[in-house]
Amino acid sequence: MRKLAERVGCSHANLYLHFKDKEALFYCLVEESFDQFSAGMRKMIESARSGDSVTLVRKAGRAYVEFGIANPSVYEFAFLMRRPGRGRPGKPHVTYERMQSLVRRCIDEKRFRRMDVDAASQALWAAAHGITSLLILRPTFAWADRDKLIGQVIDAAVDGLLA
């Protein structure tokens, strides 16, 4: 906290007026990262609000990966850094809720098999998160063509849910 106070030009006691401890500061930064992530995702998929529901799920998955790759620091802070302390209870994030809504729409339209919406949404999220994390954390690996690889991962996850 002293180093942070020094970098932002205030006393270390001043930080404690805003944050109870390091954990509170960390969670504030995580929430800010999630807000940036959500705003970026919203912009990336806003143009595709209408249309074929399965195509929208594919676009949302690709947008997720592309945002993470374009903003690795935000993505790492939001999803990859270890949390100090015991952690806070998780709450659904607006980006996840958007994916859940798209999955529910696909099921209602009988485009996806009848299944648990949460399990299907989380499976898609796991696929997108996996490729995003690998591309960010292992940039020197001899990856196949990035766009083809991302497409194959997202398409395989979506195709596994089709009716």
N, C-alpha and C. Protein backbone atom coordinates (compact mmCIF):
# COMPACT_ATOMS: atom_id res chain seq x y z
N MET A 1 0.83 -1.19 0.00
CA MET A 1 0.00 0.00 0.00
C MET A 1 0.88 1.26 0.00
N ARG A 2 2.03 1.16 0.68
CA ARG A 2 2.93 2.32 0.70
C ARG A 2 3.47 2.62 -0.70
N LYS A 3 3.85 1.57 -1.42
CA LYS A 3 4.36 1.77 -2.78
C LYS A 3 3.30 2.37 -3.69
N LEU A 4 2.08 1.88 -3.56
CA LEU A 4 0.98 2.42 -4.36
C LEU A 4 0.74 3.88 -4.03
N ALA A 5 0.71 4.20 -2.76
CA ALA A 5 0.49 5.60 -2.34
C ALA A 5 1.58 6.50 -2.91
N GLU A 6 2.80 6.01 -2.88
CA GLU A 6 3.91 6.77 -3.42
C GLU A 6 3.73 7.02 -4.92
N ARG A 7 3.29 5.99 -5.64
CA ARG A 7 3.11 6.11 -7.10
C ARG A 7 1.97 7.06 -7.46
N VAL A 8 0.91 7.09 -6.65
CA VAL A 8 -0.23 7.96 -6.98
C VAL A 8 -0.10 9.33 -6.31
N GLY A 9 0.93 9.51 -5.51
CA GLY A 9 1.21 10.82 -4.94
C GLY A 9 0.33 11.19 -3.75
N CYS A 10 0.06 10.24 -2.91
CA CYS A 10 -0.69 10.55 -1.69
C CYS A 10 -0.07 9.78 -0.53
N SER A 11 -0.51 10.09 0.66
CA SER A 11 0.03 9.36 1.81
C SER A 11 -0.60 7.98 1.86
N HIS A 12 0.11 7.07 2.46
CA HIS A 12 -0.41 5.71 2.56
C HIS A 12 -1.64 5.69 3.46
N ALA A 13 -1.72 6.58 4.43
CA ALA A 13 -2.92 6.68 5.27
C ALA A 13 -4.13 7.12 4.46
N ASN A 14 -3.91 7.95 3.44
CA ASN A 14 -5.01 8.40 2.58
C ASN A 14 -5.68 7.24 1.85
N LEU A 15 -4.90 6.26 1.44
CA LEU A 15 -5.48 5.10 0.75
C LEU A 15 -6.49 4.39 1.63
N TYR A 16 -6.20 4.35 2.92
CA TYR A 16 -7.11 3.66 3.84
C TYR A 16 -8.41 4.42 4.07
N LEU A 17 -8.48 5.66 3.64
CA LEU A 17 -9.75 6.38 3.67
C LEU A 17 -10.70 5.83 2.61
N HIS A 18 -10.12 5.24 1.56
CA HIS A 18 -10.91 4.72 0.44
C HIS A 18 -11.01 3.20 0.42
N PHE A 19 -9.99 2.54 0.95
CA PHE A 19 -9.94 1.08 0.92
C PHE A 19 -9.57 0.55 2.30
N LYS A 20 -10.36 -0.37 2.79
CA LYS A 20 -10.14 -0.95 4.12
C LYS A 20 -8.77 -1.64 4.21
N ASP A 21 -8.42 -2.36 3.13
CA ASP A 21 -7.17 -3.10 3.12
C ASP A 21 -6.79 -3.42 1.68
N LYS A 22 -5.69 -4.18 1.51
CA LYS A 22 -5.23 -4.53 0.16
C LYS A 22 -6.28 -5.33 -0.60
N GLU A 23 -6.97 -6.20 0.10
CA GLU A 23 -7.99 -7.02 -0.55
C GLU A 23 -9.11 -6.15 -1.12
N ALA A 24 -9.53 -5.13 -0.38
CA ALA A 24 -10.59 -4.22 -0.87
C ALA A 24 -10.11 -3.47 -2.11
N LEU A 25 -8.87 -3.04 -2.10
CA LEU A 25 -8.30 -2.36 -3.25
C LEU A 25 -8.25 -3.30 -4.45
N PHE A 26 -7.79 -4.52 -4.22
CA PHE A 26 -7.72 -5.51 -5.28
C PHE A 26 -9.09 -5.74 -5.91
N TYR A 27 -10.12 -5.93 -5.08
CA TYR A 27 -11.45 -6.19 -5.61
C TYR A 27 -12.01 -4.99 -6.35
N CYS A 28 -11.66 -3.81 -5.93
CA CYS A 28 -12.08 -2.61 -6.67
C CYS A 28 -11.45 -2.63 -8.07
N LEU A 29 -10.18 -2.98 -8.16
CA LEU A 29 -9.50 -3.06 -9.45
C LEU A 29 -10.06 -4.18 -10.32
N VAL A 30 -10.41 -5.30 -9.70
CA VAL A 30 -11.01 -6.40 -10.45
C VAL A 30 -12.35 -5.95 -11.03
N GLU A 31 -13.16 -5.29 -10.21
CA GLU A 31 -14.46 -4.81 -10.71
C GLU A 31 -14.28 -3.81 -11.84
N GLU A 32 -13.28 -2.96 -11.73
CA GLU A 32 -13.01 -2.01 -12.81
C GLU A 32 -12.61 -2.75 -14.09
N SER A 33 -11.82 -3.80 -13.95
CA SER A 33 -11.43 -4.60 -15.12
C SER A 33 -12.64 -5.27 -15.75
N PHE A 34 -13.54 -5.81 -14.89
CA PHE A 34 -14.76 -6.42 -15.41
C PHE A 34 -15.62 -5.38 -16.13
N ASP A 35 -15.69 -4.17 -15.60
CA ASP A 35 -16.47 -3.12 -16.25
C ASP A 35 -15.89 -2.80 -17.63
N GLN A 36 -14.56 -2.71 -17.72
CA GLN A 36 -13.92 -2.46 -19.02
C GLN A 36 -14.18 -3.62 -19.98
N PHE A 37 -14.07 -4.82 -19.46
CA PHE A 37 -14.31 -6.01 -20.27
C PHE A 37 -15.74 -6.01 -20.80
N SER A 38 -16.70 -5.75 -19.92
CA SER A 38 -18.11 -5.74 -20.30
C SER A 38 -18.40 -4.66 -21.35
N ALA A 39 -17.85 -3.47 -21.14
CA ALA A 39 -18.07 -2.38 -22.11
C ALA A 39 -17.47 -2.74 -23.46
N GLY A 40 -16.28 -3.31 -23.44
CA GLY A 40 -15.65 -3.72 -24.69
C GLY A 40 -16.42 -4.81 -25.40
N MET A 41 -16.90 -5.79 -24.65
CA MET A 41 -17.70 -6.87 -25.23
C MET A 41 -19.00 -6.32 -25.82
N ARG A 42 -19.65 -5.43 -25.09
CA ARG A 42 -20.91 -4.87 -25.55
C ARG A 42 -20.72 -4.18 -26.90
N LYS A 43 -19.66 -3.40 -27.01
CA LYS A 43 -19.38 -2.70 -28.27
C LYS A 43 -19.12 -3.69 -29.40
N MET A 44 -18.42 -4.78 -29.09
CA MET A 44 -18.04 -5.73 -30.13
C MET A 44 -19.22 -6.54 -30.66
N ILE A 45 -20.23 -6.80 -29.82
CA ILE A 45 -21.34 -7.63 -30.29
C ILE A 45 -22.63 -6.84 -30.51
N GLU A 46 -22.62 -5.54 -30.22
CA GLU A 46 -23.82 -4.73 -30.36
C GLU A 46 -24.36 -4.72 -31.78
N SER A 47 -23.46 -4.71 -32.75
CA SER A 47 -23.89 -4.65 -34.14
C SER A 47 -24.58 -5.94 -34.59
N ALA A 48 -24.45 -6.99 -33.80
CA ALA A 48 -25.01 -8.29 -34.20
C ALA A 48 -26.18 -8.70 -33.31
N ARG A 49 -26.95 -7.74 -32.81
CA ARG A 49 -28.05 -8.04 -31.89
C ARG A 49 -29.17 -8.86 -32.52
N SER A 50 -29.44 -8.61 -33.77
CA SER A 50 -30.52 -9.35 -34.42
C SER A 50 -29.91 -10.37 -35.37
N GLY A 51 -30.73 -11.28 -35.80
CA GLY A 51 -30.23 -12.28 -36.73
C GLY A 51 -30.31 -13.67 -36.14
N ASP A 52 -29.68 -14.59 -36.82
CA ASP A 52 -29.68 -15.98 -36.43
C ASP A 52 -29.04 -16.15 -35.05
N SER A 53 -29.75 -16.82 -34.15
CA SER A 53 -29.28 -16.94 -32.76
C SER A 53 -27.97 -17.72 -32.65
N VAL A 54 -27.80 -18.77 -33.42
CA VAL A 54 -26.56 -19.55 -33.35
C VAL A 54 -25.39 -18.72 -33.87
N THR A 55 -25.61 -17.96 -34.93
CA THR A 55 -24.57 -17.08 -35.45
C THR A 55 -24.19 -16.04 -34.40
N LEU A 56 -25.17 -15.54 -33.66
CA LEU A 56 -24.88 -14.57 -32.59
C LEU A 56 -24.02 -15.18 -31.49
N VAL A 57 -24.29 -16.42 -31.12
CA VAL A 57 -23.48 -17.09 -30.10
C VAL A 57 -22.04 -17.23 -30.60
N ARG A 58 -21.87 -17.62 -31.86
CA ARG A 58 -20.52 -17.74 -32.42
C ARG A 58 -19.81 -16.37 -32.41
N LYS A 59 -20.52 -15.33 -32.82
CA LYS A 59 -19.92 -13.98 -32.83
C LYS A 59 -19.56 -13.52 -31.43
N ALA A 60 -20.43 -13.82 -30.46
CA ALA A 60 -20.15 -13.43 -29.08
C ALA A 60 -18.90 -14.15 -28.57
N GLY A 61 -18.77 -15.43 -28.88
CA GLY A 61 -17.59 -16.18 -28.47
C GLY A 61 -16.32 -15.60 -29.07
N ARG A 62 -16.37 -15.30 -30.34
CA ARG A 62 -15.20 -14.72 -31.01
C ARG A 62 -14.89 -13.33 -30.45
N ALA A 63 -15.95 -12.54 -30.18
CA ALA A 63 -15.75 -11.20 -29.62
C ALA A 63 -15.08 -11.29 -28.25
N TYR A 64 -15.47 -12.27 -27.47
CA TYR A 64 -14.87 -12.48 -26.15
C TYR A 64 -13.36 -12.69 -26.30
N VAL A 65 -12.99 -13.61 -27.19
CA VAL A 65 -11.58 -13.93 -27.38
C VAL A 65 -10.83 -12.71 -27.93
N GLU A 66 -11.39 -12.06 -28.92
CA GLU A 66 -10.73 -10.90 -29.52
C GLU A 66 -10.54 -9.78 -28.51
N PHE A 67 -11.53 -9.54 -27.65
CA PHE A 67 -11.37 -8.51 -26.64
C PHE A 67 -10.24 -8.87 -25.69
N GLY A 68 -10.21 -10.12 -25.24
CA GLY A 68 -9.15 -10.54 -24.33
C GLY A 68 -7.77 -10.38 -24.93
N ILE A 69 -7.63 -10.76 -26.19
CA ILE A 69 -6.33 -10.65 -26.86
C ILE A 69 -5.93 -9.19 -27.07
N ALA A 70 -6.90 -8.35 -27.41
CA ALA A 70 -6.63 -6.94 -27.64
C ALA A 70 -6.35 -6.19 -26.33
N ASN A 71 -6.83 -6.73 -25.20
CA ASN A 71 -6.69 -6.07 -23.91
C ASN A 71 -6.16 -7.07 -22.87
N PRO A 72 -4.97 -7.59 -23.08
CA PRO A 72 -4.49 -8.67 -22.21
C PRO A 72 -4.36 -8.28 -20.74
N SER A 73 -3.97 -7.06 -20.45
CA SER A 73 -3.82 -6.65 -19.05
C SER A 73 -5.17 -6.64 -18.34
N VAL A 74 -6.17 -6.10 -18.99
CA VAL A 74 -7.52 -6.08 -18.41
C VAL A 74 -8.01 -7.51 -18.22
N TYR A 75 -7.82 -8.35 -19.23
CA TYR A 75 -8.29 -9.73 -19.16
C TYR A 75 -7.57 -10.50 -18.05
N GLU A 76 -6.25 -10.34 -17.98
CA GLU A 76 -5.49 -11.04 -16.95
C GLU A 76 -5.94 -10.61 -15.56
N PHE A 77 -6.13 -9.33 -15.37
CA PHE A 77 -6.54 -8.85 -14.05
C PHE A 77 -7.93 -9.38 -13.70
N ALA A 78 -8.83 -9.38 -14.65
CA ALA A 78 -10.20 -9.81 -14.37
C ALA A 78 -10.31 -11.32 -14.17
N PHE A 79 -9.53 -12.11 -14.92
CA PHE A 79 -9.76 -13.55 -14.93
C PHE A 79 -8.59 -14.42 -14.49
N LEU A 80 -7.37 -13.93 -14.55
CA LEU A 80 -6.25 -14.83 -14.37
C LEU A 80 -5.44 -14.62 -13.09
N MET A 81 -5.53 -13.44 -12.50
CA MET A 81 -4.74 -13.19 -11.29
C MET A 81 -5.36 -13.90 -10.10
N ARG A 82 -4.51 -14.40 -9.25
CA ARG A 82 -5.00 -15.03 -8.01
C ARG A 82 -5.49 -13.95 -7.06
N ARG A 83 -6.57 -14.25 -6.41
CA ARG A 83 -7.18 -13.31 -5.48
C ARG A 83 -6.56 -13.46 -4.09
N PRO A 84 -6.24 -12.35 -3.43
CA PRO A 84 -5.73 -12.46 -2.06
C PRO A 84 -6.86 -12.87 -1.11
N GLY A 85 -6.50 -13.45 0.00
CA GLY A 85 -7.49 -13.78 1.01
C GLY A 85 -8.43 -14.89 0.57
N ARG A 86 -9.54 -15.00 1.24
CA ARG A 86 -10.51 -16.05 0.95
C ARG A 86 -11.38 -15.74 -0.25
N GLY A 87 -11.41 -14.51 -0.65
CA GLY A 87 -12.24 -14.16 -1.81
C GLY A 87 -13.66 -13.81 -1.42
N ARG A 88 -14.32 -13.19 -2.34
CA ARG A 88 -15.71 -12.81 -2.14
C ARG A 88 -16.59 -13.76 -2.92
N PRO A 89 -17.84 -13.89 -2.50
CA PRO A 89 -18.72 -14.77 -3.26
C PRO A 89 -18.89 -14.24 -4.69
N GLY A 90 -18.87 -15.16 -5.64
CA GLY A 90 -19.02 -14.76 -7.04
C GLY A 90 -20.44 -14.31 -7.34
N LYS A 91 -20.54 -13.37 -8.24
CA LYS A 91 -21.86 -12.94 -8.69
C LYS A 91 -21.86 -12.99 -10.20
N PRO A 92 -23.01 -13.28 -10.80
CA PRO A 92 -23.05 -13.33 -12.26
C PRO A 92 -22.64 -11.98 -12.85
N HIS A 93 -21.89 -12.03 -13.89
CA HIS A 93 -21.44 -10.82 -14.56
C HIS A 93 -22.34 -10.55 -15.76
N VAL A 94 -22.51 -9.29 -16.10
CA VAL A 94 -23.42 -8.91 -17.19
C VAL A 94 -23.03 -9.57 -18.51
N THR A 95 -21.73 -9.74 -18.76
CA THR A 95 -21.29 -10.39 -20.00
C THR A 95 -21.73 -11.85 -20.01
N TYR A 96 -21.59 -12.52 -18.87
CA TYR A 96 -22.05 -13.91 -18.77
C TYR A 96 -23.57 -13.97 -18.93
N GLU A 97 -24.28 -13.03 -18.33
CA GLU A 97 -25.74 -13.02 -18.44
C GLU A 97 -26.19 -12.83 -19.89
N ARG A 98 -25.43 -12.06 -20.66
CA ARG A 98 -25.76 -11.89 -22.09
C ARG A 98 -25.60 -13.22 -22.83
N MET A 99 -24.52 -13.94 -22.53
CA MET A 99 -24.31 -15.23 -23.17
C MET A 99 -25.43 -16.20 -22.76
N GLN A 100 -25.77 -16.19 -21.49
CA GLN A 100 -26.85 -17.04 -20.99
C GLN A 100 -28.15 -16.76 -21.75
N SER A 101 -28.43 -15.51 -21.98
CA SER A 101 -29.64 -15.11 -22.69
C SER A 101 -29.61 -15.63 -24.13
N LEU A 102 -28.45 -15.54 -24.79
CA LEU A 102 -28.33 -16.06 -26.16
C LEU A 102 -28.50 -17.57 -26.19
N VAL A 103 -27.93 -18.26 -25.22
CA VAL A 103 -28.06 -19.72 -25.15
C VAL A 103 -29.52 -20.09 -24.92
N ARG A 104 -30.18 -19.40 -24.01
CA ARG A 104 -31.61 -19.66 -23.74
C ARG A 104 -32.43 -19.45 -25.02
N ARG A 105 -32.09 -18.40 -25.76
CA ARG A 105 -32.79 -18.13 -27.03
C ARG A 105 -32.59 -19.28 -28.01
N CYS A 106 -31.38 -19.79 -28.12
CA CYS A 106 -31.09 -20.92 -29.02
C CYS A 106 -31.88 -22.16 -28.61
N ILE A 107 -31.99 -22.40 -27.31
CA ILE A 107 -32.75 -23.55 -26.83
C ILE A 107 -34.23 -23.35 -27.11
N ASP A 108 -34.75 -22.15 -26.81
CA ASP A 108 -36.17 -21.87 -27.06
C ASP A 108 -36.53 -21.99 -28.53
N GLU A 109 -35.60 -21.61 -29.41
CA GLU A 109 -35.83 -21.70 -30.85
C GLU A 109 -35.54 -23.10 -31.39
N LYS A 110 -35.18 -24.02 -30.49
CA LYS A 110 -34.86 -25.41 -30.84
C LYS A 110 -33.65 -25.52 -31.76
N ARG A 111 -32.75 -24.55 -31.67
CA ARG A 111 -31.49 -24.59 -32.42
C ARG A 111 -30.45 -25.39 -31.65
N PHE A 112 -30.51 -25.30 -30.28
CA PHE A 112 -29.67 -26.11 -29.41
C PHE A 112 -30.54 -27.21 -28.83
N ARG A 113 -29.90 -28.33 -28.49
CA ARG A 113 -30.62 -29.40 -27.79
C ARG A 113 -31.20 -28.85 -26.50
N ARG A 114 -32.22 -29.51 -26.01
CA ARG A 114 -32.80 -29.13 -24.72
C ARG A 114 -31.79 -29.51 -23.65
N MET A 115 -31.34 -28.52 -22.89
CA MET A 115 -30.29 -28.76 -21.89
C MET A 115 -30.32 -27.68 -20.84
N ASP A 116 -29.52 -27.86 -19.82
CA ASP A 116 -29.39 -26.86 -18.76
C ASP A 116 -28.70 -25.61 -19.32
N VAL A 117 -29.36 -24.47 -19.20
CA VAL A 117 -28.83 -23.22 -19.75
C VAL A 117 -27.50 -22.85 -19.10
N ASP A 118 -27.41 -23.01 -17.79
CA ASP A 118 -26.16 -22.66 -17.10
C ASP A 118 -25.01 -23.55 -17.56
N ALA A 119 -25.24 -24.85 -17.62
CA ALA A 119 -24.17 -25.77 -18.04
C ALA A 119 -23.72 -25.45 -19.47
N ALA A 120 -24.66 -25.19 -20.37
CA ALA A 120 -24.30 -24.88 -21.76
C ALA A 120 -23.55 -23.55 -21.84
N SER A 121 -24.04 -22.55 -21.12
CA SER A 121 -23.38 -21.23 -21.13
C SER A 121 -21.97 -21.32 -20.56
N GLN A 122 -21.82 -22.08 -19.47
CA GLN A 122 -20.51 -22.22 -18.85
C GLN A 122 -19.56 -23.02 -19.72
N ALA A 123 -20.07 -23.99 -20.46
CA ALA A 123 -19.23 -24.74 -21.39
C ALA A 123 -18.69 -23.83 -22.49
N LEU A 124 -19.55 -22.97 -23.02
CA LEU A 124 -19.10 -22.02 -24.04
C LEU A 124 -18.08 -21.05 -23.47
N TRP A 125 -18.34 -20.57 -22.26
CA TRP A 125 -17.42 -19.65 -21.59
C TRP A 125 -16.07 -20.34 -21.38
N ALA A 126 -16.10 -21.60 -20.93
CA ALA A 126 -14.86 -22.33 -20.68
C ALA A 126 -14.03 -22.46 -21.96
N ALA A 127 -14.69 -22.72 -23.07
CA ALA A 127 -13.97 -22.83 -24.35
C ALA A 127 -13.34 -21.49 -24.74
N ALA A 128 -14.13 -20.42 -24.65
CA ALA A 128 -13.62 -19.09 -25.01
C ALA A 128 -12.50 -18.66 -24.06
N HIS A 129 -12.70 -18.90 -22.78
CA HIS A 129 -11.68 -18.53 -21.79
C HIS A 129 -10.39 -19.33 -22.00
N GLY A 130 -10.54 -20.60 -22.31
CA GLY A 130 -9.37 -21.44 -22.50
C GLY A 130 -8.48 -20.95 -23.62
N ILE A 131 -9.05 -20.69 -24.78
CA ILE A 131 -8.23 -20.25 -25.91
C ILE A 131 -7.69 -18.83 -25.66
N THR A 132 -8.51 -17.98 -25.04
CA THR A 132 -8.04 -16.62 -24.74
C THR A 132 -6.84 -16.67 -23.80
N SER A 133 -6.97 -17.43 -22.73
CA SER A 133 -5.89 -17.54 -21.74
C SER A 133 -4.61 -18.09 -22.37
N LEU A 134 -4.75 -19.13 -23.15
CA LEU A 134 -3.57 -19.72 -23.78
C LEU A 134 -2.89 -18.74 -24.73
N LEU A 135 -3.67 -18.04 -25.54
CA LEU A 135 -3.06 -17.10 -26.48
C LEU A 135 -2.38 -15.94 -25.75
N ILE A 136 -2.93 -15.52 -24.62
CA ILE A 136 -2.32 -14.43 -23.85
C ILE A 136 -1.08 -14.92 -23.10
N LEU A 137 -1.19 -16.06 -22.44
CA LEU A 137 -0.11 -16.52 -21.56
C LEU A 137 1.01 -17.26 -22.28
N ARG A 138 0.75 -17.75 -23.50
CA ARG A 138 1.77 -18.48 -24.25
C ARG A 138 1.95 -17.89 -25.65
N PRO A 139 2.32 -16.62 -25.71
CA PRO A 139 2.41 -15.96 -27.02
C PRO A 139 3.51 -16.51 -27.93
N THR A 140 4.50 -17.17 -27.37
CA THR A 140 5.61 -17.66 -28.20
C THR A 140 5.41 -19.09 -28.68
N PHE A 141 4.31 -19.73 -28.26
CA PHE A 141 4.03 -21.08 -28.75
C PHE A 141 3.78 -21.01 -30.25
N ALA A 142 4.10 -22.06 -30.97
CA ALA A 142 3.92 -22.08 -32.42
C ALA A 142 2.45 -22.37 -32.76
N TRP A 143 1.60 -21.39 -32.50
CA TRP A 143 0.16 -21.55 -32.74
C TRP A 143 -0.11 -21.66 -34.23
N ALA A 144 -1.18 -22.38 -34.57
CA ALA A 144 -1.70 -22.38 -35.94
C ALA A 144 -2.21 -20.97 -36.22
N ASP A 145 -2.68 -20.73 -37.42
CA ASP A 145 -3.24 -19.42 -37.74
C ASP A 145 -4.24 -19.03 -36.65
N ARG A 146 -4.01 -17.89 -36.03
CA ARG A 146 -4.80 -17.46 -34.87
C ARG A 146 -6.30 -17.43 -35.15
N ASP A 147 -6.70 -16.80 -36.24
CA ASP A 147 -8.14 -16.69 -36.55
C ASP A 147 -8.77 -18.06 -36.79
N LYS A 148 -8.04 -18.95 -37.48
CA LYS A 148 -8.56 -20.30 -37.71
C LYS A 148 -8.69 -21.07 -36.39
N LEU A 149 -7.68 -20.93 -35.55
CA LEU A 149 -7.70 -21.62 -34.26
C LEU A 149 -8.87 -21.15 -33.40
N ILE A 150 -9.04 -19.85 -33.29
CA ILE A 150 -10.15 -19.29 -32.51
C ILE A 150 -11.48 -19.78 -33.09
N GLY A 151 -11.62 -19.72 -34.40
CA GLY A 151 -12.85 -20.18 -35.04
C GLY A 151 -13.12 -21.65 -34.77
N GLN A 152 -12.07 -22.46 -34.82
CA GLN A 152 -12.26 -23.89 -34.60
C GLN A 152 -12.70 -24.17 -33.16
N VAL A 153 -12.09 -23.50 -32.19
CA VAL A 153 -12.47 -23.71 -30.79
C VAL A 153 -13.92 -23.27 -30.55
N ILE A 154 -14.27 -22.08 -31.00
CA ILE A 154 -15.63 -21.56 -30.78
C ILE A 154 -16.64 -22.42 -31.54
N ASP A 155 -16.35 -22.72 -32.80
CA ASP A 155 -17.29 -23.52 -33.59
C ASP A 155 -17.50 -24.91 -32.99
N ALA A 156 -16.42 -25.54 -32.50
CA ALA A 156 -16.56 -26.86 -31.89
C ALA A 156 -17.43 -26.79 -30.65
N ALA A 157 -17.26 -25.75 -29.85
CA ALA A 157 -18.07 -25.61 -28.63
C ALA A 157 -19.55 -25.40 -28.98
N VAL A 158 -19.81 -24.55 -29.97
CA VAL A 158 -21.18 -24.28 -30.38
C VAL A 158 -21.78 -25.52 -31.06
N ASP A 159 -21.04 -26.14 -31.96
CA ASP A 159 -21.55 -27.31 -32.69
C ASP A 159 -21.94 -28.45 -31.74
N GLY A 160 -21.24 -28.54 -30.62
CA GLY A 160 -21.56 -29.58 -29.65
C GLY A 160 -22.93 -29.39 -28.96
N LEU A 161 -23.49 -28.22 -29.11
CA LEU A 161 -24.80 -27.92 -28.49
C LEU A 161 -25.97 -27.96 -29.48
N LEU A 162 -25.65 -28.03 -30.77
CA LEU A 162 -26.70 -27.97 -31.79
C LEU A 162 -27.68 -29.12 -31.69
N ALA A 163 -28.93 -28.82 -32.02
CA ALA A 163 -29.98 -29.85 -32.02
C ALA A 163 -29.81 -30.76 -33.20
